[in-house]
Each structure stands twice: as C-alpha cells, then as structure tokens.
Amino acid sequence: MFTRKLGRSNIEVSAMGMGCYAIGGQFRVENGQQWGWTDVDDKESVRAIHAAMDLGVNFFDTAQAYGIGHSESIIGKAIKGRRDKVVLATKFGKLMDEANQQIMGSSIESSLLRQSLEDSLLRFGTDYIDLFQWHESNGALEDLPRLLDLLDELVDEGKIRYYGWSTDDTERATLMAQRKNCVAIQHRVHVFENSDNVSNMLAVCDAQNLASINRSPLMMGILTGKFNEKSTFVEGDIRHSIGIDFKNERFGNLLTRVESVREVITSQGRTPAQGALAWIWARSPRTIPIPGFKNTKQATENARAMDFGPLTKDQFHQVEEIMGRAQA
C-alpha cells in the first residue's frame, strides 16, 4: 500500500484521502447563497466510500459544515462496524442552523465548540475523532491561545487525538504548530496553484514535521479533463454559485492549461485526474491530497491513482517547464 505519516503523529494513512464535501449535498452560507453540490445520492455515497476503502483508502476528511452535518452522517453510516479501519478528520468552528441547512457565522466559544464536537461524534457513531481542524482560514490570531488550550484539553480527555488548521496562511500554521498535538495543515494544492504559496506552506510543514493535507487537488473537477468550453453548471451547484464559466477568458484559459499538461500527466496509463494527484505526490513526501467524489466511479478512479504513485522526477520537471516554473 501507498501510505504516508500524518505529520508528527504515529498515524499512518493512505497517501490519498477522500474529501467528503460533495457528499454533504446542498446547504447555504451566511448570505443565503447555495454552497453545496447537486446530484448527490446518499446510498451511492456509502457505496463509494466502501469502494474506496476496499482499494486501500483509510483517510476521510469532512467538516461539520458540509451539508450542515450531513456529510458526517453519511460517513458514519458507511464506517459502521469498521471504525477501526479508518482515520477520521473533520473541521469545526462554524455556527449552523440545521433546520434551515445554513451556516450562520463562526464561533470557538468553549461550550459551543464542545457541543459541536459531541454532535460530530454522534453523527460519526464514534467516541473520538482522529484529526480535528479549525475551519476558519483567517481565524483571529488573538483567539488562538485559548483555542489551543481547549483543543489540548480535548486531547487529554480522549475526545480527539490530534488537531490542525485549514488555512493557507503560513503565519497561522506556524503558530498552531508550536503545540505538540498539532500534526497537520490543510491547504490548497493543485497543479495550477501559485507555486510560491505552495512552497511556503510546504516549508512550514517540513520545518514543523506536519502533514500537508491538500484540498481542491482537482480544482473542483477542472483537472479531470472532462470539461470543455460548452460545459456549464446548474443553479445550486457551488461551481455555478462561485461563477465558474468556461466562456470566460480566465476559466477558458484553465482548460487550455489542462490540455498543455495532459500528455505528461497521463503517461503510464493514468487518467488526467490520476495524473494531477500524482503531481501532488511528486511535489512533496508530506502531501496527502483529498479529492472529492459524488459516486463510486469517481471514488474508484481517484483511489486507483495510488496504484501508479507519484510522477517521476523527469515527468514532474516536464510539468514545471510547461507551467514556466522550472528551476535552473
């Protein structure tokens, strides 16, 4: 099996996790905008999780906010009787209105955070969570000391094993890493992400012995190579909500860039999605991409990327040359 260590912990996880945002379905953010995914079938989601587990995936990442608890509930159904076979990661910090399926803000007030953790444990059907991550990318630094004290209490109580932060800010990542129970930073990594942003965060992960958990590794499906300039997204799909339109020059250029690296990343029989994941693995031995999925086919294709492993050094360098990032 292709595995990696979860930072400074003793937990070994599959080199790829499953990002469980999409299987939460639709929900709304503070301004009322739909921020979820359409065409989600709960029974199919469970089948997809089982398929991924059968192919060696043991790491599942979600958040309390995804579907306002629904993603956690689906994972709980899928792992029933198999809790000891998986490593569960979720995120906290959002205030949720379950009746209206809406995020209502954020808070790390002690009693609210503790209650949200108990709710997550109930939905998962477990008595502990392996990795508990702050879901406020730009959370206030003045709040960090009291939050870390609370998280350390939760570790001591056995409610969580370790914690981390979902942030792209290196200062925040470095400060949280001063506590021994911080083992991971979740940040955006994909072939087209700003190279300096990725390099800086990976440098923090190296210096602090943290896992680099990589969200949006397939750019919401753009790196799968299945879209063209006529592709559209229906109302209610987050990609529609955030304005992804391939007729727009910005997004049209992304399709051109996908084609520019297709030959390299699909070498050795990979699909474009598998090649995009292979690039991430070649980027650093700390990286653990967590691609999303909505069905068994997608989960299976992603999981089988582990059969190929990372791109070779030569292949990785070819991609960097195409992207104009190659070092002399």
C-alpha atoms as a PDB file:
ATOM      1  CA  MET A   1       0.000   0.000   0.000  1.00  0.00           C
ATOM      2  CA  PHE A   2       0.999   3.593  -0.688  1.00  0.00           C
ATOM      3  CA  THR A   3       0.889   5.352   2.696  1.00  0.00           C
ATOM      4  CA  ARG A   4       2.148   8.451   4.449  1.00  0.00           C
ATOM      5  CA  LYS A   5       2.557   9.551   8.052  1.00  0.00           C
ATOM      6  CA  LEU A   6       0.096  12.060   9.463  1.00  0.00           C
ATOM      7  CA  GLY A   7       2.772  14.546  10.404  1.00  0.00           C
ATOM      8  CA  ARG A   8       4.398  14.141  13.812  1.00  0.00           C
ATOM      9  CA  SER A   9       1.761  11.622  14.918  1.00  0.00           C
ATOM     10  CA  ASN A  10       2.193   7.874  14.796  1.00  0.00           C
ATOM     11  CA  ILE A  11      -0.820   7.537  12.480  1.00  0.00           C
ATOM     12  CA  GLU A  12      -0.218   6.025   9.068  1.00  0.00           C
ATOM     13  CA  VAL A  13      -2.770   6.969   6.429  1.00  0.00           C
ATOM     14  CA  SER A  14      -3.322   6.148   2.793  1.00  0.00           C
ATOM     15  CA  ALA A  15      -1.380   8.578   0.606  1.00  0.00           C
ATOM     16  CA  MET A  16      -4.701   9.849  -0.693  1.00  0.00           C
ATOM     17  CA  GLY A  17      -7.724  10.645   1.425  1.00  0.00           C
ATOM     18  CA  MET A  18     -11.302  11.117   0.325  1.00  0.00           C
ATOM     19  CA  GLY A  19     -12.623  14.667   0.510  1.00  0.00           C
ATOM     20  CA  CYS A  20     -16.241  14.385   1.632  1.00  0.00           C
ATOM     21  CA  TYR A  21     -17.508  17.884   0.865  1.00  0.00           C
ATOM     22  CA  ALA A  22     -19.615  16.947  -2.140  1.00  0.00           C
ATOM     23  CA  ILE A  23     -21.464  14.057  -0.494  1.00  0.00           C
ATOM     24  CA  GLY A  24     -22.898  16.505   2.042  1.00  0.00           C
ATOM     25  CA  GLY A  25     -25.203  17.801  -0.689  1.00  0.00           C
ATOM     26  CA  GLN A  26     -26.600  21.295  -0.718  1.00  0.00           C
ATOM     27  CA  PHE A  27     -26.523  23.889   2.040  1.00  0.00           C
ATOM     28  CA  ARG A  28     -26.416  27.659   2.300  1.00  0.00           C
ATOM     29  CA  VAL A  29     -23.844  30.082   3.636  1.00  0.00           C
ATOM     30  CA  GLU A  30     -24.485  33.234   5.654  1.00  0.00           C
ATOM     31  CA  ASN A  31     -25.713  35.322   2.723  1.00  0.00           C
ATOM     32  CA  GLY A  32     -28.195  32.634   1.676  1.00  0.00           C
ATOM     33  CA  GLN A  33     -26.182  31.501  -1.330  1.00  0.00           C
ATOM     34  CA  GLN A  34     -26.192  27.804  -2.163  1.00  0.00           C
ATOM     35  CA  TRP A  35     -22.747  26.425  -1.384  1.00  0.00           C
ATOM     36  CA  GLY A  36     -23.095  22.698  -1.911  1.00  0.00           C
ATOM     37  CA  TRP A  37     -23.354  20.112  -4.644  1.00  0.00           C
ATOM     38  CA  THR A  38     -26.221  18.746  -6.707  1.00  0.00           C
ATOM     39  CA  ASP A  39     -26.993  15.188  -7.849  1.00  0.00           C
ATOM     40  CA  VAL A  40     -25.897  13.549  -4.607  1.00  0.00           C
ATOM     41  CA  ASP A  41     -27.377  10.166  -3.702  1.00  0.00           C
ATOM     42  CA  ASP A  42     -26.750   9.042  -0.124  1.00  0.00           C
ATOM     43  CA  LYS A  43     -26.816   5.311  -0.880  1.00  0.00           C
ATOM     44  CA  GLU A  44     -24.362   5.855  -3.725  1.00  0.00           C
ATOM     45  CA  SER A  45     -22.152   7.897  -1.403  1.00  0.00           C
ATOM     46  CA  VAL A  46     -21.978   4.974   1.030  1.00  0.00           C
ATOM     47  CA  ARG A  47     -21.156   2.585  -1.823  1.00  0.00           C
ATOM     48  CA  ALA A  48     -18.413   4.967  -2.976  1.00  0.00           C
ATOM     49  CA  ILE A  49     -16.849   5.109   0.490  1.00  0.00           C
ATOM     50  CA  HIS A  50     -16.885   1.308   0.687  1.00  0.00           C
ATOM     51  CA  ALA A  51     -15.277   1.079  -2.767  1.00  0.00           C
ATOM     52  CA  ALA A  52     -12.520   3.471  -1.704  1.00  0.00           C
ATOM     53  CA  MET A  53     -11.885   1.509   1.486  1.00  0.00           C
ATOM     54  CA  ASP A  54     -11.671  -1.727  -0.485  1.00  0.00           C
ATOM     55  CA  LEU A  55      -8.973  -0.087  -2.629  1.00  0.00           C
ATOM     56  CA  GLY A  56      -6.873   0.919   0.369  1.00  0.00           C
ATOM     57  CA  VAL A  57      -8.160   4.371   1.331  1.00  0.00           C
ATOM     58  CA  ASN A  58      -8.385   4.763   5.103  1.00  0.00           C
ATOM     59  CA  PHE A  59      -8.395   8.570   5.485  1.00  0.00           C
ATOM     60  CA  PHE A  60     -11.650  10.524   5.203  1.00  0.00           C
ATOM     61  CA  ASP A  61     -11.837  14.302   5.541  1.00  0.00           C
ATOM     62  CA  THR A  62     -15.008  16.324   6.006  1.00  0.00           C
ATOM     63  CA  ALA A  63     -16.411  19.215   8.060  1.00  0.00           C
ATOM     64  CA  GLN A  64     -19.348  19.826  10.338  1.00  0.00           C
ATOM     65  CA  ALA A  65     -20.490  22.466   7.850  1.00  0.00           C
ATOM     66  CA  TYR A  66     -20.656  20.202   4.783  1.00  0.00           C
ATOM     67  CA  GLY A  67     -24.352  19.690   4.302  1.00  0.00           C
ATOM     68  CA  ILE A  68     -24.771  21.040   7.870  1.00  0.00           C
ATOM     69  CA  GLY A  69     -23.741  17.711   9.365  1.00  0.00           C
ATOM     70  CA  HIS A  70     -24.991  15.526   6.537  1.00  0.00           C
ATOM     71  CA  SER A  71     -21.554  14.540   5.235  1.00  0.00           C
ATOM     72  CA  GLU A  72     -20.529  13.359   8.701  1.00  0.00           C
ATOM     73  CA  SER A  73     -23.739  11.330   8.994  1.00  0.00           C
ATOM     74  CA  ILE A  74     -23.125   9.587   5.665  1.00  0.00           C
ATOM     75  CA  ILE A  75     -19.577   8.704   6.668  1.00  0.00           C
ATOM     76  CA  GLY A  76     -20.923   7.376   9.954  1.00  0.00           C
ATOM     77  CA  LYS A  77     -23.291   5.044   8.089  1.00  0.00           C
ATOM     78  CA  ALA A  78     -20.519   3.881   5.777  1.00  0.00           C
ATOM     79  CA  ILE A  79     -17.997   3.050   8.507  1.00  0.00           C
ATOM     80  CA  LYS A  80     -20.415   1.380  10.914  1.00  0.00           C
ATOM     81  CA  GLY A  81     -18.661  -1.729  12.190  1.00  0.00           C
ATOM     82  CA  ARG A  82     -15.415  -0.618  10.522  1.00  0.00           C
ATOM     83  CA  ARG A  83     -14.376   2.361  12.682  1.00  0.00           C
ATOM     84  CA  ASP A  84     -11.024   0.766  13.486  1.00  0.00           C
ATOM     85  CA  LYS A  85     -10.209   0.677   9.753  1.00  0.00           C
ATOM     86  CA  VAL A  86     -10.412   4.431   9.158  1.00  0.00           C
ATOM     87  CA  VAL A  87      -8.826   7.712  10.198  1.00  0.00           C
ATOM     88  CA  LEU A  88     -11.466  10.438  10.545  1.00  0.00           C
ATOM     89  CA  ALA A  89     -10.766  14.129  10.026  1.00  0.00           C
ATOM     90  CA  THR A  90     -13.387  16.826  10.398  1.00  0.00           C
ATOM     91  CA  LYS A  91     -13.466  20.593  10.824  1.00  0.00           C
ATOM     92  CA  PHE A  92     -15.091  22.818  13.431  1.00  0.00           C
ATOM     93  CA  GLY A  93     -15.866  26.452  14.074  1.00  0.00           C
ATOM     94  CA  LYS A  94     -18.993  27.181  12.023  1.00  0.00           C
ATOM     95  CA  LEU A  95     -22.320  28.051  13.618  1.00  0.00           C
ATOM     96  CA  MET A  96     -25.039  26.027  11.922  1.00  0.00           C
ATOM     97  CA  ASP A  97     -28.813  26.190  11.633  1.00  0.00           C
ATOM     98  CA  GLU A  98     -29.687  22.546  10.944  1.00  0.00           C
ATOM     99  CA  ALA A  99     -33.399  23.256  10.475  1.00  0.00           C
ATOM    100  CA  ASN A 100     -32.676  25.638   7.601  1.00  0.00           C
ATOM    101  CA  GLN A 101     -29.484  23.943   6.362  1.00  0.00           C
ATOM    102  CA  GLN A 102     -27.489  27.129   6.665  1.00  0.00           C
ATOM    103  CA  ILE A 103     -24.205  28.373   8.124  1.00  0.00           C
ATOM    104  CA  MET A 104     -24.905  31.292  10.447  1.00  0.00           C
ATOM    105  CA  GLY A 105     -21.411  32.512  11.256  1.00  0.00           C
ATOM    106  CA  SER A 106     -18.498  31.166  13.264  1.00  0.00           C
ATOM    107  CA  SER A 107     -17.507  30.701  16.887  1.00  0.00           C
ATOM    108  CA  ILE A 108     -14.914  28.903  19.001  1.00  0.00           C
ATOM    109  CA  GLU A 109     -16.633  29.677  22.319  1.00  0.00           C
ATOM    110  CA  SER A 110     -15.870  26.729  24.574  1.00  0.00           C
ATOM    111  CA  SER A 111     -19.369  25.409  25.246  1.00  0.00           C
ATOM    112  CA  LEU A 112     -20.402  25.735  21.600  1.00  0.00           C
ATOM    113  CA  LEU A 113     -17.264  24.008  20.356  1.00  0.00           C
ATOM    114  CA  ARG A 114     -17.677  21.186  22.830  1.00  0.00           C
ATOM    115  CA  GLN A 115     -21.303  20.698  21.813  1.00  0.00           C
ATOM    116  CA  SER A 116     -20.407  20.714  18.119  1.00  0.00           C
ATOM    117  CA  LEU A 117     -17.791  18.039  18.821  1.00  0.00           C
ATOM    118  CA  GLU A 118     -20.363  15.883  20.628  1.00  0.00           C
ATOM    119  CA  ASP A 119     -22.693  16.315  17.651  1.00  0.00           C
ATOM    120  CA  SER A 120     -19.932  15.183  15.282  1.00  0.00           C
ATOM    121  CA  LEU A 121     -19.171  12.137  17.432  1.00  0.00           C
ATOM    122  CA  LEU A 122     -22.843  11.194  17.364  1.00  0.00           C
ATOM    123  CA  ARG A 123     -23.094  11.573  13.591  1.00  0.00           C
ATOM    124  CA  PHE A 124     -19.934   9.521  13.025  1.00  0.00           C
ATOM    125  CA  GLY A 125     -21.022   6.900  15.565  1.00  0.00           C
ATOM    126  CA  THR A 126     -17.682   7.043  17.378  1.00  0.00           C
ATOM    127  CA  ASP A 127     -16.260   8.275  20.678  1.00  0.00           C
ATOM    128  CA  TYR A 128     -13.178  10.015  19.251  1.00  0.00           C
ATOM    129  CA  ILE A 129     -12.029  11.924  16.184  1.00  0.00           C
ATOM    130  CA  ASP A 130      -8.515  11.431  14.846  1.00  0.00           C
ATOM    131  CA  LEU A 131      -7.946  14.928  13.430  1.00  0.00           C
ATOM    132  CA  PHE A 132      -9.973  17.995  14.472  1.00  0.00           C
ATOM    133  CA  GLN A 133      -9.302  21.026  12.260  1.00  0.00           C
ATOM    134  CA  TRP A 134     -10.183  24.688  12.665  1.00  0.00           C
ATOM    135  CA  HIS A 135     -12.369  25.643   9.704  1.00  0.00           C
ATOM    136  CA  GLU A 136     -11.691  29.391   9.817  1.00  0.00           C
ATOM    137  CA  SER A 137      -8.874  30.022   7.345  1.00  0.00           C
ATOM    138  CA  ASN A 138      -8.199  33.550   8.616  1.00  0.00           C
ATOM    139  CA  GLY A 139      -9.201  32.999  12.235  1.00  0.00           C
ATOM    140  CA  ALA A 140      -8.113  35.783  14.575  1.00  0.00           C
ATOM    141  CA  LEU A 141      -4.633  35.236  15.979  1.00  0.00           C
ATOM    142  CA  GLU A 142      -5.655  36.670  19.354  1.00  0.00           C
ATOM    143  CA  ASP A 143      -8.143  33.782  19.682  1.00  0.00           C
ATOM    144  CA  LEU A 144      -5.530  31.121  19.058  1.00  0.00           C
ATOM    145  CA  PRO A 145      -4.041  30.667  22.579  1.00  0.00           C
ATOM    146  CA  ARG A 146      -7.406  29.959  24.254  1.00  0.00           C
ATOM    147  CA  LEU A 147      -8.463  27.738  21.344  1.00  0.00           C
ATOM    148  CA  LEU A 148      -5.276  25.711  21.601  1.00  0.00           C
ATOM    149  CA  ASP A 149      -5.739  25.327  25.351  1.00  0.00           C
ATOM    150  CA  LEU A 150      -9.231  23.968  24.720  1.00  0.00           C
ATOM    151  CA  LEU A 151      -8.046  21.618  21.980  1.00  0.00           C
ATOM    152  CA  ASP A 152      -5.312  20.279  24.254  1.00  0.00           C
ATOM    153  CA  GLU A 153      -7.988  19.631  26.894  1.00  0.00           C
ATOM    154  CA  LEU A 154      -9.989  17.658  24.339  1.00  0.00           C
ATOM    155  CA  VAL A 155      -6.895  15.596  23.532  1.00  0.00           C
ATOM    156  CA  ASP A 156      -6.327  14.899  27.220  1.00  0.00           C
ATOM    157  CA  GLU A 157      -9.973  13.835  27.548  1.00  0.00           C
ATOM    158  CA  GLY A 158      -9.632  11.419  24.634  1.00  0.00           C
ATOM    159  CA  LYS A 159     -12.296  13.163  22.545  1.00  0.00           C
ATOM    160  CA  ILE A 160      -9.808  13.952  19.777  1.00  0.00           C
ATOM    161  CA  ARG A 161      -6.369  12.523  19.053  1.00  0.00           C
ATOM    162  CA  TYR A 162      -4.775  15.467  17.236  1.00  0.00           C
ATOM    163  CA  TYR A 163      -5.703  18.770  15.670  1.00  0.00           C
ATOM    164  CA  GLY A 164      -4.787  21.071  12.792  1.00  0.00           C
ATOM    165  CA  TRP A 165      -5.883  24.132  10.844  1.00  0.00           C
ATOM    166  CA  SER A 166      -7.417  24.520   7.408  1.00  0.00           C
ATOM    167  CA  THR A 167      -5.584  27.667   6.318  1.00  0.00           C
ATOM    168  CA  ASP A 168      -3.388  28.965   3.523  1.00  0.00           C
ATOM    169  CA  ASP A 169      -1.617  31.417   5.845  1.00  0.00           C
ATOM    170  CA  THR A 170       1.888  30.368   6.885  1.00  0.00           C
ATOM    171  CA  GLU A 171       1.980  32.576   9.987  1.00  0.00           C
ATOM    172  CA  ARG A 172      -1.144  30.920  11.342  1.00  0.00           C
ATOM    173  CA  ALA A 173       0.157  27.461  10.506  1.00  0.00           C
ATOM    174  CA  THR A 174       3.469  28.161  12.241  1.00  0.00           C
ATOM    175  CA  LEU A 175       1.812  29.451  15.396  1.00  0.00           C
ATOM    176  CA  MET A 176      -0.524  26.480  15.732  1.00  0.00           C
ATOM    177  CA  ALA A 177       2.381  24.107  15.130  1.00  0.00           C
ATOM    178  CA  GLN A 178       4.011  25.256  18.377  1.00  0.00           C
ATOM    179  CA  ARG A 179       1.712  22.853  20.200  1.00  0.00           C
ATOM    180  CA  LYS A 180       2.746  19.196  20.085  1.00  0.00           C
ATOM    181  CA  ASN A 181      -0.781  17.951  19.321  1.00  0.00           C
ATOM    182  CA  CYS A 182      -0.925  19.892  16.044  1.00  0.00           C
ATOM    183  CA  VAL A 183       0.004  17.413  13.309  1.00  0.00           C
ATOM    184  CA  ALA A 184      -1.422  18.757  10.036  1.00  0.00           C
ATOM    185  CA  ILE A 185      -2.229  21.824   7.978  1.00  0.00           C
ATOM    186  CA  GLN A 186      -4.869  21.630   5.289  1.00  0.00           C
ATOM    187  CA  HIS A 187      -4.152  23.980   2.405  1.00  0.00           C
ATOM    188  CA  ARG A 188      -4.861  24.370  -1.283  1.00  0.00           C
ATOM    189  CA  VAL A 189      -2.521  22.450  -3.603  1.00  0.00           C
ATOM    190  CA  HIS A 190      -3.038  21.635  -7.268  1.00  0.00           C
ATOM    191  CA  VAL A 191      -1.023  21.800 -10.478  1.00  0.00           C
ATOM    192  CA  PHE A 192      -2.071  25.389 -11.198  1.00  0.00           C
ATOM    193  CA  GLU A 193      -1.895  26.833  -7.670  1.00  0.00           C
ATOM    194  CA  ASN A 194       0.582  29.658  -7.103  1.00  0.00           C
ATOM    195  CA  SER A 195       3.932  27.934  -6.684  1.00  0.00           C
ATOM    196  CA  ASP A 196       5.195  30.344  -4.021  1.00  0.00           C
ATOM    197  CA  ASN A 197       2.091  29.775  -1.878  1.00  0.00           C
ATOM    198  CA  VAL A 198       2.574  26.020  -2.035  1.00  0.00           C
ATOM    199  CA  SER A 199       6.335  26.202  -1.464  1.00  0.00           C
ATOM    200  CA  ASN A 200       5.973  28.459   1.570  1.00  0.00           C
ATOM    201  CA  MET A 201       3.405  26.239   3.265  1.00  0.00           C
ATOM    202  CA  LEU A 202       5.322  23.072   2.485  1.00  0.00           C
ATOM    203  CA  ALA A 203       8.392  24.714   4.028  1.00  0.00           C
ATOM    204  CA  VAL A 204       6.381  25.241   7.227  1.00  0.00           C
ATOM    205  CA  CYS A 205       5.236  21.621   7.149  1.00  0.00           C
ATOM    206  CA  ASP A 206       8.830  20.468   6.704  1.00  0.00           C
ATOM    207  CA  ALA A 207      10.145  22.655   9.500  1.00  0.00           C
ATOM    208  CA  GLN A 208       7.394  21.633  11.924  1.00  0.00           C
ATOM    209  CA  ASN A 209       7.021  17.977  10.850  1.00  0.00           C
ATOM    210  CA  LEU A 210       3.392  18.420   9.805  1.00  0.00           C
ATOM    211  CA  ALA A 211       1.284  16.591   7.245  1.00  0.00           C
ATOM    212  CA  SER A 212       0.247  18.676   4.243  1.00  0.00           C
ATOM    213  CA  ILE A 213      -3.397  17.820   3.552  1.00  0.00           C
ATOM    214  CA  ASN A 214      -4.314  19.140   0.132  1.00  0.00           C
ATOM    215  CA  ARG A 215      -7.797  20.426  -0.541  1.00  0.00           C
ATOM    216  CA  SER A 216      -9.167  21.034  -4.042  1.00  0.00           C
ATOM    217  CA  PRO A 217      -6.440  18.911  -5.688  1.00  0.00           C
ATOM    218  CA  LEU A 218      -8.547  18.575  -8.853  1.00  0.00           C
ATOM    219  CA  MET A 219      -9.787  22.194  -8.891  1.00  0.00           C
ATOM    220  CA  MET A 220     -13.433  21.197  -8.436  1.00  0.00           C
ATOM    221  CA  GLY A 221     -13.132  18.764 -11.322  1.00  0.00           C
ATOM    222  CA  ILE A 222     -11.409  21.065 -13.798  1.00  0.00           C
ATOM    223  CA  LEU A 223      -8.240  18.953 -13.706  1.00  0.00           C
ATOM    224  CA  THR A 224     -10.164  15.793 -14.608  1.00  0.00           C
ATOM    225  CA  GLY A 225     -10.115  16.940 -18.233  1.00  0.00           C
ATOM    226  CA  LYS A 226     -13.831  16.213 -18.691  1.00  0.00           C
ATOM    227  CA  PHE A 227     -14.953  19.791 -19.306  1.00  0.00           C
ATOM    228  CA  ASN A 228     -14.870  21.946 -22.455  1.00  0.00           C
ATOM    229  CA  GLU A 229     -15.866  25.478 -23.377  1.00  0.00           C
ATOM    230  CA  LYS A 230     -19.541  24.426 -23.632  1.00  0.00           C
ATOM    231  CA  SER A 231     -19.689  22.886 -20.168  1.00  0.00           C
ATOM    232  CA  THR A 232     -21.994  24.593 -17.666  1.00  0.00           C
ATOM    233  CA  PHE A 233     -23.105  24.051 -14.082  1.00  0.00           C
ATOM    234  CA  VAL A 234     -26.684  24.142 -12.878  1.00  0.00           C
ATOM    235  CA  GLU A 235     -28.025  26.528 -10.281  1.00  0.00           C
ATOM    236  CA  GLY A 236     -27.418  25.051  -6.837  1.00  0.00           C
ATOM    237  CA  ASP A 237     -24.019  23.644  -7.796  1.00  0.00           C
ATOM    238  CA  ILE A 238     -21.260  25.516  -5.963  1.00  0.00           C
ATOM    239  CA  ARG A 239     -19.360  25.890  -9.235  1.00  0.00           C
ATOM    240  CA  HIS A 240     -22.320  27.857 -10.582  1.00  0.00           C
ATOM    241  CA  SER A 241     -22.517  29.865  -7.340  1.00  0.00           C
ATOM    242  CA  ILE A 242     -18.886  30.976  -7.491  1.00  0.00           C
ATOM    243  CA  GLY A 243     -19.088  31.861 -11.173  1.00  0.00           C
ATOM    244  CA  ILE A 244     -17.100  29.180 -12.992  1.00  0.00           C
ATOM    245  CA  ASP A 245     -17.878  29.869 -16.665  1.00  0.00           C
ATOM    246  CA  PHE A 246     -15.645  28.397 -19.345  1.00  0.00           C
ATOM    247  CA  LYS A 247     -16.737  31.068 -21.810  1.00  0.00           C
ATOM    248  CA  ASN A 248     -14.978  33.495 -19.502  1.00  0.00           C
ATOM    249  CA  GLU A 249     -11.341  34.043 -20.545  1.00  0.00           C
ATOM    250  CA  ARG A 250      -9.984  33.192 -17.095  1.00  0.00           C
ATOM    251  CA  PHE A 251     -11.637  29.778 -16.908  1.00  0.00           C
ATOM    252  CA  GLY A 252     -11.244  29.119 -20.621  1.00  0.00           C
ATOM    253  CA  ASN A 253      -7.506  29.534 -20.152  1.00  0.00           C
ATOM    254  CA  LEU A 254      -7.585  26.864 -17.450  1.00  0.00           C
ATOM    255  CA  LEU A 255      -8.946  24.376 -19.973  1.00  0.00           C
ATOM    256  CA  THR A 256      -6.071  25.246 -22.300  1.00  0.00           C
ATOM    257  CA  ARG A 257      -3.596  24.692 -19.491  1.00  0.00           C
ATOM    258  CA  VAL A 258      -5.140  21.311 -18.675  1.00  0.00           C
ATOM    259  CA  GLU A 259      -4.559  20.254 -22.272  1.00  0.00           C
ATOM    260  CA  SER A 260      -0.982  21.534 -22.141  1.00  0.00           C
ATOM    261  CA  VAL A 261      -0.026  19.058 -19.394  1.00  0.00           C
ATOM    262  CA  ARG A 262      -2.317  16.192 -20.418  1.00  0.00           C
ATOM    263  CA  GLU A 263       0.310  14.177 -22.305  1.00  0.00           C
ATOM    264  CA  VAL A 264       2.740  14.206 -19.379  1.00  0.00           C
ATOM    265  CA  ILE A 265       0.335  13.529 -16.522  1.00  0.00           C
ATOM    266  CA  THR A 266      -1.497  10.747 -18.373  1.00  0.00           C
ATOM    267  CA  SER A 267       1.733   8.848 -19.003  1.00  0.00           C
ATOM    268  CA  GLN A 268       1.837   5.202 -17.917  1.00  0.00           C
ATOM    269  CA  GLY A 269      -1.925   4.893 -18.397  1.00  0.00           C
ATOM    270  CA  ARG A 270      -3.123   7.420 -15.828  1.00  0.00           C
ATOM    271  CA  THR A 271      -6.290   9.423 -16.322  1.00  0.00           C
ATOM    272  CA  PRO A 272      -5.924  13.225 -16.104  1.00  0.00           C
ATOM    273  CA  ALA A 273      -7.310  13.134 -12.548  1.00  0.00           C
ATOM    274  CA  GLN A 274      -4.852  10.440 -11.526  1.00  0.00           C
ATOM    275  CA  GLY A 275      -2.031  12.410 -13.111  1.00  0.00           C
ATOM    276  CA  ALA A 276      -2.980  15.563 -11.239  1.00  0.00           C
ATOM    277  CA  LEU A 277      -2.834  13.606  -7.973  1.00  0.00           C
ATOM    278  CA  ALA A 278       0.487  12.055  -8.999  1.00  0.00           C
ATOM    279  CA  TRP A 279       1.923  15.554  -9.491  1.00  0.00           C
ATOM    280  CA  ILE A 280       0.984  16.431  -5.901  1.00  0.00           C
ATOM    281  CA  TRP A 281       2.686  13.317  -4.534  1.00  0.00           C
ATOM    282  CA  ALA A 282       5.815  14.179  -6.527  1.00  0.00           C
ATOM    283  CA  ARG A 283       5.738  17.700  -5.107  1.00  0.00           C
ATOM    284  CA  SER A 284       6.494  16.582  -1.546  1.00  0.00           C
ATOM    285  CA  PRO A 285       6.580  13.394   0.554  1.00  0.00           C
ATOM    286  CA  ARG A 286       4.295  15.166   3.061  1.00  0.00           C
ATOM    287  CA  THR A 287       1.382  15.752   0.701  1.00  0.00           C
ATOM    288  CA  ILE A 288      -1.926  13.928   1.164  1.00  0.00           C
ATOM    289  CA  PRO A 289      -4.442  15.046  -1.482  1.00  0.00           C
ATOM    290  CA  ILE A 290      -8.139  14.679  -0.643  1.00  0.00           C
ATOM    291  CA  PRO A 291     -10.083  14.751  -3.935  1.00  0.00           C
ATOM    292  CA  GLY A 292     -13.851  14.932  -3.747  1.00  0.00           C
ATOM    293  CA  PHE A 293     -16.325  12.458  -5.185  1.00  0.00           C
ATOM    294  CA  LYS A 294     -20.053  12.033  -5.723  1.00  0.00           C
ATOM    295  CA  ASN A 295     -20.212   8.451  -6.931  1.00  0.00           C
ATOM    296  CA  THR A 296     -18.440   5.119  -6.929  1.00  0.00           C
ATOM    297  CA  LYS A 297     -16.865   5.694 -10.334  1.00  0.00           C
ATOM    298  CA  GLN A 298     -15.137   8.879  -9.202  1.00  0.00           C
ATOM    299  CA  ALA A 299     -14.049   7.400  -5.871  1.00  0.00           C
ATOM    300  CA  THR A 300     -12.627   4.341  -7.607  1.00  0.00           C
ATOM    301  CA  GLU A 301     -10.735   6.350 -10.218  1.00  0.00           C
ATOM    302  CA  ASN A 302      -9.216   8.562  -7.522  1.00  0.00           C
ATOM    303  CA  ALA A 303      -8.268   5.647  -5.273  1.00  0.00           C
ATOM    304  CA  ARG A 304      -6.584   3.791  -8.129  1.00  0.00           C
ATOM    305  CA  ALA A 305      -4.245   6.731  -8.592  1.00  0.00           C
ATOM    306  CA  MET A 306      -2.345   5.202  -5.672  1.00  0.00           C
ATOM    307  CA  ASP A 307      -1.524   2.187  -7.864  1.00  0.00           C
ATOM    308  CA  PHE A 308       0.616   4.463 -10.049  1.00  0.00           C
ATOM    309  CA  GLY A 309       2.173   6.554  -7.285  1.00  0.00           C
ATOM    310  CA  PRO A 310       3.941   9.886  -7.887  1.00  0.00           C
ATOM    311  CA  LEU A 311       5.129  11.213 -11.212  1.00  0.00           C
ATOM    312  CA  THR A 312       8.799  10.517 -11.838  1.00  0.00           C
ATOM    313  CA  LYS A 313      11.281  13.335 -11.315  1.00  0.00           C
ATOM    314  CA  ASP A 314      11.538  13.775 -15.084  1.00  0.00           C
ATOM    315  CA  GLN A 315       7.753  13.907 -15.506  1.00  0.00           C
ATOM    316  CA  PHE A 316       7.399  16.365 -12.650  1.00  0.00           C
ATOM    317  CA  HIS A 317      10.103  18.559 -14.183  1.00  0.00           C
ATOM    318  CA  GLN A 318       8.329  18.453 -17.567  1.00  0.00           C
ATOM    319  CA  VAL A 319       5.134  19.756 -15.973  1.00  0.00           C
ATOM    320  CA  GLU A 320       7.079  22.511 -14.209  1.00  0.00           C
ATOM    321  CA  GLU A 321       8.663  23.512 -17.504  1.00  0.00           C
ATOM    322  CA  ILE A 322       5.259  23.683 -19.203  1.00  0.00           C
ATOM    323  CA  MET A 323       3.965  25.819 -16.306  1.00  0.00           C
ATOM    324  CA  GLY A 324       7.027  28.085 -16.574  1.00  0.00           C
ATOM    325  CA  ARG A 325       8.179  27.164 -13.080  1.00  0.00           C
ATOM    326  CA  ALA A 326      11.233  25.025 -13.777  1.00  0.00           C
ATOM    327  CA  GLN A 327      14.310  25.871 -11.723  1.00  0.00           C
ATOM    328  CA  ALA A 328      17.627  26.212 -13.497  1.00  0.00           C
END
